[in-house]
PDB file of N, CA and C in Angstrom:
ATOM      1  N   UNK A   1     217.327  21.762   3.135  1.00  0.00           N
ATOM      2  CA  UNK A   1     218.463  20.830   3.081  1.00  0.00           C
ATOM      3  C   UNK A   1     219.759  21.537   3.467  1.00  0.00           C
ATOM      4  N   UNK A   2     219.641  22.491   4.362  1.00  0.00           N
ATOM      5  CA  UNK A   2     220.826  23.265   4.755  1.00  0.00           C
ATOM      6  C   UNK A   2     221.379  22.745   6.073  1.00  0.00           C
ATOM      7  N   UNK A   3     222.606  22.271   6.021  1.00  0.00           N
ATOM      8  CA  UNK A   3     223.236  21.776   7.244  1.00  0.00           C
ATOM      9  C   UNK A   3     224.035  22.896   7.896  1.00  0.00           C
ATOM     10  N   UNK A   4     223.935  22.981   9.197  1.00  0.00           N
ATOM     11  CA  UNK A   4     224.692  24.017   9.887  1.00  0.00           C
ATOM     12  C   UNK A   4     226.179  23.674   9.872  1.00  0.00           C
ATOM     13  N   UNK A   5     227.001  24.702   9.982  1.00  0.00           N
ATOM     14  CA  UNK A   5     228.452  24.482   9.941  1.00  0.00           C
ATOM     15  C   UNK A   5     228.877  23.576  11.091  1.00  0.00           C
ATOM     16  N   UNK A   6     228.270  23.760  12.249  1.00  0.00           N
ATOM     17  CA  UNK A   6     228.663  22.938  13.401  1.00  0.00           C
ATOM     18  C   UNK A   6     228.407  21.460  13.126  1.00  0.00           C
ATOM     19  N   UNK A   7     227.321  21.166  12.423  1.00  0.00           N
ATOM     20  CA  UNK A   7     227.023  19.760  12.092  1.00  0.00           C
ATOM     21  C   UNK A   7     228.112  19.205  11.181  1.00  0.00           C
ATOM     22  N   UNK A   8     228.494  19.990  10.184  1.00  0.00           N
ATOM     23  CA  UNK A   8     229.540  19.537   9.262  1.00  0.00           C
ATOM     24  C   UNK A   8     230.858  19.357  10.006  1.00  0.00           C
ATOM     25  N   UNK A   9     231.150  20.267  10.933  1.00  0.00           N
ATOM     26  CA  UNK A   9     232.396  20.156  11.692  1.00  0.00           C
ATOM     27  C   UNK A   9     232.395  18.895  12.542  1.00  0.00           C
ATOM     28  N   UNK A  10     231.231  18.545  13.098  1.00  0.00           N
ATOM     29  CA  UNK A  10     231.142  17.318  13.905  1.00  0.00           C
ATOM     30  C   UNK A  10     231.449  16.104  13.035  1.00  0.00           C
ATOM     31  N   UNK A  11     230.870  16.070  11.842  1.00  0.00           N
ATOM     32  CA  UNK A  11     231.119  14.937  10.935  1.00  0.00           C
ATOM     33  C   UNK A  11     232.593  14.887  10.554  1.00  0.00           C
ATOM     34  N   UNK A  12     233.155  16.046  10.257  1.00  0.00           N
ATOM     35  CA  UNK A  12     234.565  16.124   9.873  1.00  0.00           C
ATOM     36  C   UNK A  12     235.442  15.563  10.982  1.00  0.00           C
ATOM     37  N   UNK A  13     235.159  15.965  12.223  1.00  0.00           N
ATOM     38  CA  UNK A  13     235.967  15.501  13.356  1.00  0.00           C
ATOM     39  C   UNK A  13     235.817  13.996  13.537  1.00  0.00           C
ATOM     40  N   UNK A  14     234.618  13.496  13.385  1.00  0.00           N
ATOM     41  CA  UNK A  14     234.380  12.057  13.542  1.00  0.00           C
ATOM     42  C   UNK A  14     235.172  11.281  12.490  1.00  0.00           C
ATOM     43  N   UNK A  15     235.180  11.778  11.260  1.00  0.00           N
ATOM     44  CA  UNK A  15     235.925  11.093  10.195  1.00  0.00           C
ATOM     45  C   UNK A  15     237.415  11.104  10.503  1.00  0.00           C
ATOM     46  N   UNK A  16     237.921  12.221  10.990  1.00  0.00           N
ATOM     47  CA  UNK A  16     239.343  12.305  11.307  1.00  0.00           C
ATOM     48  C   UNK A  16     239.699  11.332  12.421  1.00  0.00           C
ATOM     49  N   UNK A  17     238.825  11.208  13.427  1.00  0.00           N
ATOM     50  CA  UNK A  17     239.095  10.275  14.522  1.00  0.00           C
ATOM     51  C   UNK A  17     239.117   8.847  14.001  1.00  0.00           C
ATOM     52  N   UNK A  18     238.192   8.528  13.090  1.00  0.00           N
ATOM     53  CA  UNK A  18     238.162   7.178  12.505  1.00  0.00           C
ATOM     54  C   UNK A  18     239.467   6.913  11.766  1.00  0.00           C
ATOM     55  N   UNK A  19     239.920   7.905  10.987  1.00  0.00           N
ATOM     56  CA  UNK A  19     241.170   7.733  10.245  1.00  0.00           C
ATOM     57  C   UNK A  19     242.331   7.508  11.200  1.00  0.00           C
ATOM     58  N   UNK A  20     242.338   8.228  12.322  1.00  0.00           N
ATOM     59  CA  UNK A  20     243.419   8.060  13.292  1.00  0.00           C
ATOM     60  C   UNK A  20     243.416   6.642  13.843  1.00  0.00           C
ATOM     61  N   UNK A  21     242.239   6.112  14.148  1.00  0.00           N
ATOM     62  CA  UNK A  21     242.156   4.755  14.682  1.00  0.00           C
ATOM     63  C   UNK A  21     242.663   3.752  13.659  1.00  0.00           C
ATOM     64  N   UNK A  22     242.265   3.914  12.416  1.00  0.00           N
ATOM     65  CA  UNK A  22     242.697   2.984  11.361  1.00  0.00           C
ATOM     66  C   UNK A  22     244.212   3.066  11.197  1.00  0.00           C
ATOM     67  N   UNK A  23     244.759   4.256  11.210  1.00  0.00           N
ATOM     68  CA  UNK A  23     246.206   4.415  11.059  1.00  0.00           C
ATOM     69  C   UNK A  23     246.934   3.711  12.192  1.00  0.00           C
ATOM     70  N   UNK A  24     246.433   3.852  13.414  1.00  0.00           N
ATOM     71  CA  UNK A  24     247.066   3.192  14.562  1.00  0.00           C
ATOM     72  C   UNK A  24     247.042   1.684  14.380  1.00  0.00           C
ATOM     73  N   UNK A  25     245.908   1.151  13.953  1.00  0.00           N
ATOM     74  CA  UNK A  25     245.794  -0.300  13.768  1.00  0.00           C
ATOM     75  C   UNK A  25     246.786  -0.780  12.721  1.00  0.00           C
ATOM     76  N   UNK A  26     246.909  -0.033  11.623  1.00  0.00           N
ATOM     77  CA  UNK A  26     247.836  -0.436  10.562  1.00  0.00           C
ATOM     78  C   UNK A  26     249.272  -0.412  11.082  1.00  0.00           C
ATOM     79  N   UNK A  27     249.623   0.608  11.844  1.00  0.00           N
ATOM     80  CA  UNK A  27     250.987   0.698  12.374  1.00  0.00           C
ATOM     81  C   UNK A  27     251.255  -0.454  13.333  1.00  0.00           C
ATOM     82  N   UNK A  28     250.252  -0.827  14.131  1.00  0.00           N
ATOM     83  CA  UNK A  28     250.452  -1.932  15.076  1.00  0.00           C
ATOM     84  C   UNK A  28     250.715  -3.222  14.316  1.00  0.00           C
ATOM     85  N   UNK A  29     250.017  -3.419  13.201  1.00  0.00           N
ATOM     86  CA  UNK A  29     250.198  -4.656  12.423  1.00  0.00           C
ATOM     87  C   UNK A  29     251.608  -4.720  11.851  1.00  0.00           C
ATOM     88  N   UNK A  30     252.164  -3.561  11.496  1.00  0.00           N
ATOM     89  CA  UNK A  30     253.493  -3.550  10.877  1.00  0.00           C
ATOM     90  C   UNK A  30     254.575  -3.994  11.853  1.00  0.00           C
ATOM     91  N   UNK A  31     254.355  -3.797  13.144  1.00  0.00           N
ATOM     92  CA  UNK A  31     255.381  -4.153  14.142  1.00  0.00           C
ATOM     93  C   UNK A  31     255.703  -5.637  14.113  1.00  0.00           C
TER      94      UNK A  31
END
């Protein structure tokens, strides 16, 4: 059950990209 660091980094990056998209959508709604 050992995940390689690169796998974890990929997941981390994907989550950050999702957060960026959500933040953009929220900012657009505020306009």
